């Protein structure tokens, strides 16, 4: 193309020479024109060179900028493996620029993506921080954060991601805690019978159940308000429970005082079930509602007013309970005087009804303690009475001549007789044990142990004396019987053999009754009468209309009957002895 250009210039110059020759231009003018042409060509070349140099400088600037941009992007993105200075000797400037362009384009796109990623993460971080601090309203978006474009490395990104994860974890924990607090408030409101919606929205509007989970307020201020609300509700719950338990205690006392039936008490089972419950144990809906507490309070007031009208009946019921305890313990109580005293106290109004009932409850408690201390001895007394009854039956059975006949029920009597003998043989040991325990009880309590008004030791001593006398009488009877049999054997033998007098046989078989004066050889009936008299006096001192006391007195009567049986048997044996020793007439 340069050759074509030179050829064109030479051709033009030849044409110019021809034109000058025809015109007749002088050499001087020709030189001026040629010089002017050379200058103009030089100027054109200079301009072209300047333009080329400027273009080269621009390309070098672009190359330097590209290298700097590449280095900056690589540094910002943390890309250390990218070559930022390609070889100059092997490539032209444009080739170097062309070689850097794809890398720059790739790093530019990567930078934009990294900036977007940083912006998203930092926005979420600021959003969560604002939600935790309460500086953002629900639904409010944070402004686009300022991003340092010179530090977009993976390390920095991981640092922000770690911060975001920690904040998201803290948000989840805060949200969980808020929900737990909201649930606690709901439970407390349910138990207290309070309106949940107004209380929870007073803390924050977003805590209502209609608001989605992501739009709940989790700020520290909201959490603090929830803590204060829960503390207030718990205090109200504690105060209401204390008041309800006090009312329930009064209600139970009044029920027990007036013997309220179970059906009527069951109407308040939903209240009385919390009598001993702790604050945390009360979870039933409406269990501590004000209406519920007012209902119990009204019932307590009603029963308290009713209590005064039924006080006399209640007091006499307490007295009956006290008398039953004493009767069961075989302790004599002047019931008429006690009734008169209670009636006088109620009519005079000198003692408050509750004080009177409390005093009677104290007496009942003491009576129970005393009855418990007497129980062991009384159990042994009952065994002694039973053994005495069996002893009396055994004596009657032994005197029955038909006891060995094979009649109806004979085998049952034989079995009973065997058992009775075992019981009778244990009587001496039982009496000794009773005496020892009774004396120990009297030393411990400083009182005389009485059985239905009669000193138990006196009864035992009387029984021991009568038993000893009975044994002596039996011994004498056996000796007399042996003596009588010897006399009969002598009379039956004569010079012609044995003979029997019908008068002697009749006199030997007859059983004489007690003597007209009713006394024995050693005065034991007098002792029986003394015990019976004491027992009768003790019976007359108690209320005649109490069946339970009659039953208690019957136990003492059993002992007396046993002693009388023993004395009667002794008198019969004595009568037999006297009849057997009467003179026997000689046979004709």
Protein backbone atom coordinates (compact mmCIF):
# COMPACT_ATOMS: atom_id res chain seq x y z
CA UNK A 1 0.00 0.00 0.00
CA UNK A 2 3.01 2.28 0.69
CA UNK A 3 4.41 1.42 -2.74
CA UNK A 4 1.13 2.30 -4.35
CA UNK A 5 1.13 5.52 -2.39
CA UNK A 6 4.73 6.39 -3.57
CA UNK A 7 3.87 5.54 -7.13
CA UNK A 8 0.91 7.83 -6.99
CA UNK A 9 3.02 10.66 -5.53
CA UNK A 10 5.73 10.18 -8.28
CA UNK A 11 3.12 10.18 -10.99
CA UNK A 12 1.63 13.37 -9.64
CA UNK A 13 5.07 14.92 -9.33
CA UNK A 14 5.82 14.05 -13.04
CA UNK A 15 2.49 15.59 -14.04
CA UNK A 16 3.44 18.66 -11.98
CA UNK A 17 6.82 18.85 -13.79
CA UNK A 18 5.08 18.64 -17.16
CA UNK A 19 2.68 21.38 -16.15
CA UNK A 20 5.58 23.56 -14.95
CA UNK A 21 7.46 22.94 -18.18
CA UNK A 22 4.50 23.99 -20.24
CA UNK A 23 3.94 27.00 -18.04
CA UNK A 24 7.58 27.89 -17.84
CA UNK A 25 7.87 28.12 -14.07
CA UNK A 26 11.22 29.19 -12.81
CA UNK A 27 13.40 26.91 -10.79
CA UNK A 28 13.02 29.13 -7.75
CA UNK A 29 9.25 28.87 -7.83
CA UNK A 30 9.51 25.23 -8.43
CA UNK A 31 11.79 24.80 -5.39
CA UNK A 32 9.38 26.77 -3.20
CA UNK A 33 6.50 24.56 -4.20
CA UNK A 34 8.52 21.41 -3.66
CA UNK A 35 9.72 22.71 -0.32
CA UNK A 36 6.16 23.49 0.62
CA UNK A 37 5.12 20.01 -0.42
CA UNK A 38 7.88 18.48 1.69
CA UNK A 39 6.77 20.54 4.69
CA UNK A 40 3.20 19.59 4.26
CA UNK A 41 4.13 15.87 3.98
CA UNK A 42 6.31 16.21 7.05
CA UNK A 43 3.47 17.77 8.98
CA UNK A 44 1.21 14.94 7.93
CA UNK A 45 3.77 12.38 9.06
CA UNK A 46 4.26 14.22 12.32
CA UNK A 47 0.57 14.25 12.98
CA UNK A 48 0.32 10.56 12.22
CA UNK A 49 3.27 9.80 14.46
CA UNK A 50 1.79 11.92 17.24
CA UNK A 51 -1.53 10.16 16.85
CA UNK A 52 0.19 6.76 16.91
CA UNK A 53 2.15 7.69 20.00
CA UNK A 54 -0.95 8.98 21.72
CA UNK A 55 -2.75 5.79 20.81
CA UNK A 56 0.18 3.82 22.16
CA UNK A 57 0.17 5.85 25.37
CA UNK A 58 -3.54 5.30 25.78
CA UNK A 59 -3.05 1.60 25.22
CA UNK A 60 -0.24 1.58 27.78
CA UNK A 61 -2.45 3.47 30.23
CA UNK A 62 -5.22 1.02 29.55
CA UNK A 63 -2.81 -1.84 30.08
CA UNK A 64 -1.54 -0.33 33.31
CA UNK A 65 -5.08 0.33 34.49
CA UNK A 66 -6.07 -3.20 33.55
CA UNK A 67 -3.12 -4.55 35.46
CA UNK A 68 -3.94 -2.37 38.46
CA UNK A 69 -7.61 -3.28 38.29
CA UNK A 70 -6.70 -6.93 37.97
CA UNK A 71 -4.39 -6.66 40.97
CA UNK A 72 -7.04 -4.77 42.98
CA UNK A 73 -9.76 -7.27 42.09
CA UNK A 74 -7.50 -10.19 42.86
CA UNK A 75 -6.58 -8.63 46.18
CA UNK A 76 -10.18 -7.76 47.03
CA UNK A 77 -11.41 -11.21 46.12
CA UNK A 78 -8.40 -12.95 47.64
CA UNK A 79 -7.46 -14.58 44.36
CA UNK A 80 -3.72 -15.11 44.72
CA UNK A 81 -3.30 -17.52 41.82
CA UNK A 82 -4.07 -14.97 39.06
CA UNK A 83 -1.09 -13.51 37.08
CA UNK A 84 -1.41 -9.74 36.93
CA UNK A 85 1.65 -8.97 34.65
CA UNK A 86 1.80 -10.88 31.34
CA UNK A 87 5.16 -11.14 29.42
CA UNK A 88 5.95 -7.96 27.38
CA UNK A 89 8.49 -9.56 25.09
CA UNK A 90 6.17 -12.12 23.77
CA UNK A 91 3.08 -10.03 23.31
CA UNK A 92 2.14 -6.60 22.00
CA UNK A 93 0.22 -4.10 24.06
CA UNK A 94 -3.04 -5.02 22.40
CA UNK A 95 -2.31 -8.69 22.88
CA UNK A 96 -1.59 -8.07 26.54
CA UNK A 97 -4.83 -6.13 26.84
CA UNK A 98 -6.68 -8.89 25.04
CA UNK A 99 -5.13 -11.45 27.40
CA UNK A 100 -6.20 -9.47 30.50
CA UNK A 101 -9.73 -8.73 29.29
CA UNK A 102 -11.34 -12.16 30.04
CA UNK A 103 -9.78 -12.28 33.50
CA UNK A 104 -10.92 -8.75 34.22
CA UNK A 105 -14.39 -9.56 32.99
CA UNK A 106 -14.55 -12.74 35.11
CA UNK A 107 -13.24 -10.98 38.22
CA UNK A 108 -15.65 -8.10 37.61
CA UNK A 109 -18.63 -10.47 37.52
CA UNK A 110 -17.28 -12.29 40.55
CA UNK A 111 -16.92 -8.96 42.35
CA UNK A 112 -20.52 -7.99 41.57
CA UNK A 113 -21.77 -11.35 42.84
CA UNK A 114 -19.59 -11.11 45.95
CA UNK A 115 -20.83 -7.56 46.63
CA UNK A 116 -24.40 -8.75 46.29
CA UNK A 117 -23.70 -11.65 48.61
CA UNK A 118 -22.03 -9.34 51.13
CA UNK A 119 -24.92 -6.92 50.90
CA UNK A 120 -27.47 -9.67 51.52
CA UNK A 121 -25.61 -11.09 54.51
CA UNK A 122 -24.89 -7.70 56.05
CA UNK A 123 -28.50 -6.64 55.55
CA UNK A 124 -29.72 -9.74 57.35
CA UNK A 125 -27.19 -9.13 60.14
CA UNK A 126 -28.38 -5.57 60.60
CA UNK A 127 -32.01 -6.70 60.40
CA UNK A 128 -31.56 -9.27 63.19
CA UNK A 129 -29.56 -6.85 65.31
CA UNK A 130 -32.29 -4.31 64.95
CA UNK A 131 -34.96 -6.88 65.88
CA UNK A 132 -33.00 -7.98 68.96
CA UNK A 133 -32.32 -4.41 70.03
CA UNK A 134 -35.85 -3.26 69.25
CA UNK A 135 -34.66 -0.41 67.02
CA UNK A 136 -36.69 -1.72 64.06
CA UNK A 137 -40.42 -1.79 63.81
CA UNK A 138 -42.13 -5.00 62.76
CA UNK A 139 -41.82 -5.27 58.93
CA UNK A 140 -39.34 -2.40 58.63
CA UNK A 141 -36.40 -3.05 56.25
CA UNK A 142 -32.87 -1.86 56.97
CA UNK A 143 -30.98 0.44 54.60
CA UNK A 144 -28.44 -1.03 52.18
CA UNK A 145 -25.24 -1.31 54.22
CA UNK A 146 -21.95 0.31 53.15
CA UNK A 147 -19.69 -2.40 51.75
CA UNK A 148 -15.91 -2.23 51.69
CA UNK A 149 -15.18 -3.28 48.09
CA UNK A 150 -11.48 -3.62 48.82
CA UNK A 151 -12.09 -6.58 51.14
CA UNK A 152 -14.36 -9.15 49.53
CA UNK A 153 -12.34 -12.21 50.39
CA UNK A 154 -13.77 -15.58 51.29
CA UNK A 155 -12.35 -15.17 54.77
CA UNK A 156 -14.28 -11.95 55.26
CA UNK A 157 -17.39 -13.56 53.82
CA UNK A 158 -17.06 -16.51 56.21
CA UNK A 159 -16.65 -14.05 59.06
CA UNK A 160 -19.93 -12.34 58.17
CA UNK A 161 -21.60 -15.72 57.68
CA UNK A 162 -20.42 -16.78 61.12
CA UNK A 163 -21.83 -13.57 62.61
CA UNK A 164 -25.09 -14.18 60.79
CA UNK A 165 -25.31 -17.76 62.10
CA UNK A 166 -24.67 -16.59 65.65
CA UNK A 167 -27.35 -13.91 65.32
CA UNK A 168 -29.82 -16.34 63.76
CA UNK A 169 -29.17 -18.78 66.62
CA UNK A 170 -29.67 -16.00 69.12
CA UNK A 171 -32.84 -15.00 67.31
CA UNK A 172 -34.17 -18.56 67.45
CA UNK A 173 -33.36 -18.75 71.15
CA UNK A 174 -34.96 -15.37 71.77
CA UNK A 175 -38.03 -16.37 69.75
CA UNK A 176 -38.27 -19.64 71.68
CA UNK A 177 -37.99 -17.77 74.96
CA UNK A 178 -40.65 -15.29 73.86
CA UNK A 179 -42.99 -18.14 72.93
CA UNK A 180 -42.33 -19.81 76.28
CA UNK A 181 -43.12 -16.57 78.07
CA UNK A 182 -46.24 -16.06 75.98
CA UNK A 183 -47.33 -19.63 76.76
CA UNK A 184 -46.69 -19.02 80.46
CA UNK A 185 -48.77 -15.84 80.37
CA UNK A 186 -51.55 -17.73 78.59
CA UNK A 187 -51.48 -20.50 81.21
CA UNK A 188 -51.51 -18.02 84.10
CA UNK A 189 -54.37 -16.07 82.55
CA UNK A 190 -56.30 -19.32 82.10
CA UNK A 191 -55.81 -20.32 85.76
CA UNK A 192 -56.60 -16.81 87.04
CA UNK A 193 -59.60 -16.39 84.75
CA UNK A 194 -58.15 -13.20 83.20
CA UNK A 195 -58.43 -11.95 79.60
CA UNK A 196 -55.33 -13.15 77.80
CA UNK A 197 -55.62 -10.95 74.65
CA UNK A 198 -55.64 -7.63 76.48
CA UNK A 199 -52.72 -8.61 78.71
CA UNK A 200 -50.47 -9.97 75.97
CA UNK A 201 -51.15 -7.12 73.52
CA UNK A 202 -50.37 -4.67 76.29
CA UNK A 203 -46.84 -6.07 76.24
CA UNK A 204 -46.60 -5.86 72.40
CA UNK A 205 -49.14 -6.01 69.60
CA UNK A 206 -47.16 -8.58 67.65
CA UNK A 207 -47.49 -11.21 70.43
CA UNK A 208 -51.10 -11.94 69.52
CA UNK A 209 -51.73 -15.42 68.13
CA UNK A 210 -53.00 -13.95 64.84
CA UNK A 211 -49.54 -12.53 64.01
CA UNK A 212 -47.19 -14.87 62.14
CA UNK A 213 -44.11 -16.29 63.80
CA UNK A 214 -41.64 -14.25 61.72
CA UNK A 215 -43.26 -10.97 62.72
CA UNK A 216 -43.13 -11.46 66.47
CA UNK A 217 -41.27 -8.91 68.54
CA UNK A 218 -38.17 -10.46 70.09
CA UNK A 219 -36.55 -7.33 71.45
CA UNK A 220 -34.97 -7.14 74.86
CA UNK A 221 -37.61 -4.65 75.90
CA UNK A 222 -40.39 -7.05 74.93
CA UNK A 223 -38.70 -9.87 76.82
CA UNK A 224 -38.28 -7.66 79.87
CA UNK A 225 -41.97 -6.69 79.77
CA UNK A 226 -42.93 -10.35 79.51
CA UNK A 227 -40.77 -11.12 82.57
CA UNK A 228 -42.48 -8.38 84.56
CA UNK A 229 -45.92 -9.52 83.41
CA UNK A 230 -45.19 -13.13 84.41
CA UNK A 231 -43.85 -12.00 87.79
CA UNK A 232 -47.01 -9.95 88.39
CA UNK A 233 -49.28 -12.81 87.37
CA UNK A 234 -47.35 -15.28 89.53
CA UNK A 235 -47.67 -12.97 92.51
CA UNK A 236 -51.41 -12.67 91.88
CA UNK A 237 -51.60 -16.45 91.60
CA UNK A 238 -49.73 -16.91 94.88
CA UNK A 239 -51.92 -14.42 96.74
CA UNK A 240 -55.11 -15.91 95.34
CA UNK A 241 -53.98 -19.45 96.17
CA UNK A 242 -53.13 -18.44 99.74
CA UNK A 243 -56.53 -16.82 100.12
CA UNK A 244 -58.31 -19.79 98.57
CA UNK A 245 -56.45 -22.26 100.81
CA UNK A 246 -57.35 -20.23 103.88
CA UNK A 247 -60.99 -20.23 102.80
CA UNK A 248 -60.90 -23.97 102.04
CA UNK A 249 -59.39 -24.65 105.48
CA UNK A 250 -62.19 -22.66 107.09
CA UNK A 251 -64.69 -24.45 104.87
CA UNK A 252 -63.41 -27.89 105.89
CA UNK A 253 -63.43 -26.90 109.56
CA UNK A 254 -67.04 -25.74 109.26
CA UNK A 255 -67.99 -28.91 107.37
CA UNK A 256 -66.39 -31.08 110.04
CA UNK A 257 -67.98 -28.96 112.74
CA UNK A 258 -71.47 -29.35 111.33
CA UNK A 259 -71.04 -32.89 109.92
CA UNK A 260 -71.85 -31.73 106.42
CA UNK A 261 -72.75 -34.73 104.19
CA UNK A 262 -70.38 -35.87 101.46
CA UNK A 263 -72.85 -34.97 98.71
CA UNK A 264 -72.84 -31.34 99.75
CA UNK A 265 -69.06 -31.28 100.12
CA UNK A 266 -68.57 -32.77 96.67
CA UNK A 267 -69.96 -29.57 95.14
CA UNK A 268 -66.66 -27.92 96.07
CA UNK A 269 -64.31 -30.73 95.04
CA UNK A 270 -62.85 -28.54 92.30
CA UNK A 271 -61.81 -26.11 95.04
CA UNK A 272 -60.82 -28.40 97.92
CA UNK A 273 -58.47 -30.36 95.66
CA UNK A 274 -56.07 -27.37 95.86
CA UNK A 275 -56.04 -27.25 99.66
CA UNK A 276 -52.44 -28.45 99.97
CA UNK A 277 -51.29 -27.73 96.40
CA UNK A 278 -48.28 -25.57 95.62
CA UNK A 279 -48.39 -22.62 93.24
CA UNK A 280 -46.91 -24.66 90.39
CA UNK A 281 -49.35 -27.55 90.91
CA UNK A 282 -52.46 -25.43 90.30
CA UNK A 283 -53.03 -25.57 86.52
CA UNK A 284 -56.77 -26.17 86.07
CA UNK A 285 -58.56 -23.48 84.01
CA UNK A 286 -60.31 -20.96 86.23
CA UNK A 287 -59.05 -22.63 89.42
CA UNK A 288 -58.07 -19.24 90.91
CA UNK A 289 -60.60 -17.03 89.18
CA UNK A 290 -62.05 -14.23 91.30
CA UNK A 291 -65.56 -15.61 90.80
CA UNK A 292 -64.42 -18.97 92.18
CA UNK A 293 -62.80 -17.39 95.25
CA UNK A 294 -65.86 -15.21 95.85
CA UNK A 295 -68.08 -18.29 95.63
CA UNK A 296 -66.05 -20.06 98.31
CA UNK A 297 -65.98 -16.91 100.45
CA UNK A 298 -69.77 -16.61 100.27
CA UNK A 299 -70.14 -20.28 101.25
CA UNK A 300 -67.82 -19.80 104.23
CA UNK A 301 -69.84 -16.77 105.37
CA UNK A 302 -73.07 -18.74 105.00
CA UNK A 303 -71.77 -21.68 107.02
CA UNK A 304 -70.27 -19.35 109.61
CA UNK A 305 -73.67 -17.74 110.16
CA UNK A 306 -75.31 -21.17 110.25
CA UNK A 307 -72.74 -22.39 112.75
CA UNK A 308 -74.13 -20.33 115.63
CA UNK A 309 -77.61 -21.74 115.17
CA UNK A 310 -76.31 -25.32 115.21
CA UNK A 311 -73.73 -24.85 117.93
CA UNK A 312 -75.77 -26.64 120.62
CA UNK A 313 -76.28 -29.67 118.40
CA UNK A 314 -72.60 -29.71 117.46
CA UNK A 315 -71.44 -29.42 121.06
CA UNK A 316 -73.65 -32.30 122.21
CA UNK A 317 -72.39 -34.41 119.31
CA UNK A 318 -68.86 -33.73 120.46
CA UNK A 319 -69.88 -34.68 123.98
CA UNK A 320 -71.41 -37.91 122.66
CA UNK A 321 -68.15 -38.69 120.89
CA UNK A 322 -66.27 -38.06 124.13
CA UNK A 323 -68.64 -40.30 126.09
CA UNK A 324 -68.30 -43.07 123.49
CA UNK A 325 -64.52 -42.94 123.80
CA UNK A 326 -64.72 -43.16 127.60
CA UNK A 327 -67.30 -45.94 127.39
CA UNK A 328 -65.07 -47.90 125.04
CA UNK A 329 -62.22 -47.44 127.52
CA UNK A 330 -64.52 -48.45 130.47
CA UNK A 331 -64.04 -45.09 132.18
CA UNK A 332 -66.93 -43.66 134.23
CA UNK A 333 -68.05 -40.18 133.18
CA UNK A 334 -70.74 -37.99 134.79
CA UNK A 335 -72.70 -37.32 131.60
CA UNK A 336 -75.52 -35.36 133.26
CA UNK A 337 -73.13 -32.80 134.76
CA UNK A 338 -71.21 -32.49 131.47
CA UNK A 339 -74.43 -31.85 129.53
CA UNK A 340 -75.52 -29.23 132.05
CA UNK A 341 -72.16 -27.48 131.83
CA UNK A 342 -72.25 -27.36 128.01
CA UNK A 343 -75.81 -26.07 128.01
CA UNK A 344 -74.92 -23.35 130.53
CA UNK A 345 -71.88 -22.21 128.51
CA UNK A 346 -73.86 -21.96 125.29
CA UNK A 347 -76.78 -20.12 126.89
CA UNK A 348 -74.58 -17.68 128.81
CA UNK A 349 -72.45 -16.77 125.80
CA UNK A 350 -69.36 -16.42 128.00
CA UNK A 351 -67.34 -18.61 125.62
CA UNK A 352 -67.03 -18.25 121.89
CA UNK A 353 -68.49 -21.22 119.99
CA UNK A 354 -65.21 -22.00 118.28
CA UNK A 355 -63.38 -21.89 121.63
CA UNK A 356 -65.91 -24.29 123.09
CA UNK A 357 -65.54 -26.68 120.18
CA UNK A 358 -61.76 -26.39 120.32
CA UNK A 359 -61.84 -27.14 124.04
CA UNK A 360 -64.03 -30.19 123.43
CA UNK A 361 -61.75 -31.35 120.63
CA UNK A 362 -58.86 -31.06 123.08
CA UNK A 363 -60.73 -33.21 125.59
CA UNK A 364 -61.52 -35.74 122.86
CA UNK A 365 -57.86 -35.89 121.89
CA UNK A 366 -56.83 -36.45 125.51
CA UNK A 367 -59.53 -39.11 125.87
CA UNK A 368 -58.23 -40.90 122.80
CA UNK A 369 -54.70 -40.81 124.18
CA UNK A 370 -55.89 -42.17 127.52
CA UNK A 371 -57.95 -44.87 125.80
CA UNK A 372 -54.89 -45.82 123.75
CA UNK A 373 -52.77 -46.08 126.89
CA UNK A 374 -55.42 -48.40 128.43
CA UNK A 375 -55.93 -50.53 125.32
CA UNK A 376 -53.34 -53.20 126.07
CA UNK A 377 -54.67 -53.73 129.61
CA UNK A 378 -58.30 -53.72 128.46
CA UNK A 379 -57.53 -56.33 125.81
CA UNK A 380 -56.12 -58.58 128.50
CA UNK A 381 -59.15 -57.88 130.72
CA UNK A 382 -61.40 -59.05 127.90
CA UNK A 383 -59.33 -62.22 127.59
CA UNK A 384 -59.61 -62.70 131.36
CA UNK A 385 -63.39 -62.25 131.26
CA UNK A 386 -63.67 -64.69 128.39
CA UNK A 387 -61.53 -67.23 130.25
CA UNK A 388 -63.67 -66.83 133.37
CA UNK A 389 -66.81 -67.44 131.34
CA UNK A 390 -65.25 -70.57 129.87
CA UNK A 391 -64.24 -71.67 133.39
CA UNK A 392 -67.83 -71.28 134.61
CA UNK A 393 -69.14 -73.20 131.61
CA UNK A 394 -66.56 -75.95 132.16
CA UNK A 395 -67.67 -76.37 135.79
CA UNK A 396 -71.30 -76.68 134.74
CA UNK A 397 -70.26 -79.12 132.04
CA UNK A 398 -68.24 -81.21 134.52
CA UNK A 399 -71.27 -81.54 136.84
CA UNK A 400 -73.44 -82.80 133.99
CA UNK A 401 -73.84 -86.61 134.33
CA UNK A 402 -75.02 -86.89 130.73
CA UNK A 403 -72.04 -85.12 129.18
CA UNK A 404 -70.64 -88.32 127.68
CA UNK A 405 -73.92 -89.47 126.12
CA UNK A 406 -73.81 -89.68 122.36
CA UNK A 407 -76.47 -87.07 121.94
CA UNK A 408 -76.72 -84.28 119.45
CA UNK A 409 -73.87 -81.78 119.80
CA UNK A 410 -71.95 -83.86 122.35
CA UNK A 411 -68.79 -83.83 120.24
CA UNK A 412 -68.94 -80.03 119.96
CA UNK A 413 -69.15 -79.75 123.76
CA UNK A 414 -66.16 -82.05 124.09
CA UNK A 415 -64.11 -79.84 121.75
CA UNK A 416 -65.21 -76.75 123.61
CA UNK A 417 -64.29 -78.37 126.92
CA UNK A 418 -60.78 -79.08 125.64
CA UNK A 419 -60.34 -75.49 124.53
CA UNK A 420 -61.85 -74.22 127.77
CA UNK A 421 -59.35 -76.24 129.84
CA UNK A 422 -56.50 -74.67 127.86
CA UNK A 423 -57.90 -71.19 128.55
CA UNK A 424 -58.52 -71.91 132.21
CA UNK A 425 -54.96 -73.15 132.67
CA UNK A 426 -53.71 -69.78 131.34
CA UNK A 427 -55.78 -67.73 133.80
CA UNK A 428 -53.15 -67.55 136.61
CA UNK A 429 -50.46 -66.30 134.22
CA UNK A 430 -52.93 -63.86 132.63
CA UNK A 431 -53.93 -62.50 136.06
CA UNK A 432 -50.28 -62.07 137.08
CA UNK A 433 -49.57 -60.21 133.81
CA UNK A 434 -52.64 -57.99 134.35
CA UNK A 435 -51.58 -57.13 137.87
CA UNK A 436 -48.04 -56.24 136.75
CA UNK A 437 -49.18 -54.10 133.81
CA UNK A 438 -51.88 -52.40 135.85
CA UNK A 439 -49.44 -51.46 138.61
CA UNK A 440 -46.96 -50.17 136.00
CA UNK A 441 -49.73 -48.10 134.40
CA UNK A 442 -50.77 -46.64 137.76
CA UNK A 443 -47.15 -45.76 138.62
CA UNK A 444 -46.70 -44.09 135.24
CA UNK A 445 -49.94 -42.10 135.32
CA UNK A 446 -50.28 -41.56 139.08
CA UNK A 447 -53.89 -42.75 138.92
CA UNK A 448 -55.85 -45.82 139.90
CA UNK A 449 -56.81 -47.98 136.91
CA UNK A 450 -60.57 -48.48 137.12
CA UNK A 451 -62.80 -50.72 135.06
CA UNK A 452 -66.29 -49.20 134.88
CA UNK A 453 -65.61 -47.37 138.14
CA UNK A 454 -64.16 -50.36 140.01
CA UNK A 455 -60.39 -50.51 140.69
CA UNK A 456 -59.03 -53.27 138.52
CA UNK A 457 -56.45 -54.36 141.08
CA UNK A 458 -59.22 -54.84 143.66
CA UNK A 459 -61.16 -56.97 141.20
CA UNK A 460 -58.06 -59.05 140.48
CA UNK A 461 -57.24 -59.43 144.17
CA UNK A 462 -60.84 -60.51 144.84
CA UNK A 463 -60.63 -63.03 142.03
CA UNK A 464 -57.32 -64.43 143.32
CA UNK A 465 -58.73 -64.83 146.84
CA UNK A 466 -61.88 -66.55 145.58
CA UNK A 467 -59.81 -68.81 143.33
CA UNK A 468 -57.60 -69.79 146.25
CA UNK A 469 -60.63 -70.51 148.43
CA UNK A 470 -62.14 -72.50 145.60
CA UNK A 471 -58.99 -74.59 145.27
CA UNK A 472 -59.03 -75.23 149.02
CA UNK A 473 -62.66 -76.28 148.88
CA UNK A 474 -61.92 -78.63 146.01
CA UNK A 475 -59.09 -80.15 147.99
CA UNK A 476 -61.31 -80.61 151.05
CA UNK A 477 -64.06 -82.06 148.87
CA UNK A 478 -61.67 -84.62 147.42
CA UNK A 479 -60.53 -85.63 150.89
CA UNK A 480 -64.13 -85.88 152.13
CA UNK A 481 -65.03 -87.95 149.11
CA UNK A 482 -62.23 -90.39 149.80
CA UNK A 483 -63.31 -90.62 153.45
CA UNK A 484 -66.97 -91.22 152.48
CA UNK A 485 -65.99 -93.93 150.00
CA UNK A 486 -63.98 -95.68 152.71
CA UNK A 487 -66.98 -95.66 155.07
CA UNK A 488 -69.26 -97.03 152.36
CA UNK A 489 -66.85 -99.82 151.59
CA UNK A 490 -66.72 -100.83 155.29
CA UNK A 491 -70.54 -100.82 155.66
CA UNK A 492 -71.08 -102.83 152.50
CA UNK A 493 -69.04 -105.83 153.75
CA UNK A 494 -70.83 -108.17 156.34
CA UNK A 495 -70.40 -111.76 157.59
CA UNK A 496 -72.26 -113.06 154.54
CA UNK A 497 -70.78 -110.72 151.95
CA UNK A 498 -71.33 -107.18 150.75
CA UNK A 499 -74.54 -105.38 151.55
CA UNK A 500 -75.70 -101.98 150.55
CA UNK A 501 -78.10 -99.78 152.48
CA UNK A 502 -80.53 -98.00 150.20
CA UNK A 503 -80.65 -95.06 152.60
CA UNK A 504 -76.91 -94.60 152.38
CA UNK A 505 -76.96 -94.85 148.61
CA UNK A 506 -79.67 -92.25 148.46
CA UNK A 507 -77.88 -89.98 150.86
CA UNK A 508 -74.65 -90.39 148.91
CA UNK A 509 -76.30 -89.44 145.63
CA UNK A 510 -78.38 -86.50 146.82
CA UNK A 511 -77.13 -82.96 146.13
CA UNK A 512 -77.99 -80.45 148.82
CA UNK A 513 -78.74 -76.80 147.99
CA UNK A 514 -77.13 -73.81 149.59
CA UNK A 515 -77.71 -73.12 153.26
CA UNK A 516 -80.53 -70.82 154.19
CA UNK A 517 -78.23 -68.09 155.38
CA UNK A 518 -76.42 -68.17 151.96
CA UNK A 519 -72.94 -67.97 153.45
CA UNK A 520 -69.93 -70.18 152.82
CA UNK A 521 -67.35 -71.43 155.17
CA UNK A 522 -64.99 -68.47 154.64
CA UNK A 523 -67.36 -65.61 153.82
CA UNK A 524 -66.60 -65.36 150.04
CA UNK A 525 -70.18 -64.34 149.07
CA UNK A 526 -69.65 -61.23 151.16
CA UNK A 527 -66.79 -60.33 148.90
CA UNK A 528 -68.91 -61.03 145.83
CA UNK A 529 -71.59 -58.71 147.13
CA UNK A 530 -69.06 -56.00 147.82
CA UNK A 531 -67.83 -56.11 144.22
CA UNK A 532 -71.37 -56.26 142.86
CA UNK A 533 -72.35 -53.31 145.03
CA UNK A 534 -69.42 -51.27 143.70
CA UNK A 535 -70.33 -52.18 140.16
CA UNK A 536 -73.97 -51.24 140.68
CA UNK A 537 -72.93 -47.91 142.19
CA UNK A 538 -70.68 -47.25 139.19
CA UNK A 539 -73.53 -48.11 136.82
CA UNK A 540 -75.97 -45.79 138.58
CA UNK A 541 -73.52 -42.89 138.34
CA UNK A 542 -73.62 -43.05 134.52
CA UNK A 543 -76.40 -42.11 132.17
CA UNK A 544 -79.18 -44.67 132.14
CA UNK A 545 -79.97 -43.96 128.50
CA UNK A 546 -76.55 -44.89 127.08
CA UNK A 547 -76.61 -48.33 125.54
CA UNK A 548 -72.88 -48.32 124.97
CA UNK A 549 -72.26 -47.80 128.66
CA UNK A 550 -74.64 -50.62 129.52
CA UNK A 551 -72.57 -52.85 127.29
CA UNK A 552 -69.41 -51.70 129.04
CA UNK A 553 -70.95 -52.39 132.46
CA UNK A 554 -72.01 -55.82 131.23
CA UNK A 555 -68.33 -56.73 130.96
CA UNK A 556 -67.84 -56.09 134.67
CA UNK A 557 -71.03 -58.07 135.31
CA UNK A 558 -69.46 -60.99 133.47
CA UNK A 559 -66.60 -61.00 135.95
CA UNK A 560 -69.03 -60.79 138.84
CA UNK A 561 -71.09 -63.64 137.38
CA UNK A 562 -67.98 -65.73 137.01
CA UNK A 563 -67.03 -65.06 140.62
CA UNK A 564 -70.59 -65.86 141.75
CA UNK A 565 -70.48 -69.10 139.78
CA UNK A 566 -67.26 -70.02 141.51
CA UNK A 567 -68.71 -69.20 144.92
CA UNK A 568 -71.93 -71.10 144.14
CA UNK A 569 -69.93 -74.14 143.08
CA UNK A 570 -68.02 -73.91 146.33
CA UNK A 571 -71.26 -73.77 148.37
CA UNK A 572 -72.70 -76.76 146.47
CA UNK A 573 -69.55 -78.77 147.11
CA UNK A 574 -69.72 -77.83 150.79
CA UNK A 575 -73.40 -78.89 150.96
CA UNK A 576 -72.54 -82.25 149.38
CA UNK A 577 -69.81 -82.69 151.91
CA UNK A 578 -72.18 -82.01 154.83
CA UNK A 579 -74.84 -84.31 153.43
CA UNK A 580 -72.32 -87.10 152.98
CA UNK A 581 -71.17 -86.83 156.57
CA UNK A 582 -74.69 -87.18 158.07
CA UNK A 583 -75.23 -90.26 160.32
CA UNK A 584 -76.16 -93.35 158.33
CA UNK A 585 -78.91 -95.48 159.92
CA UNK A 586 -78.17 -99.14 160.41
CA UNK A 587 -80.00 -101.62 158.27
CA UNK A 588 -82.47 -103.91 159.97
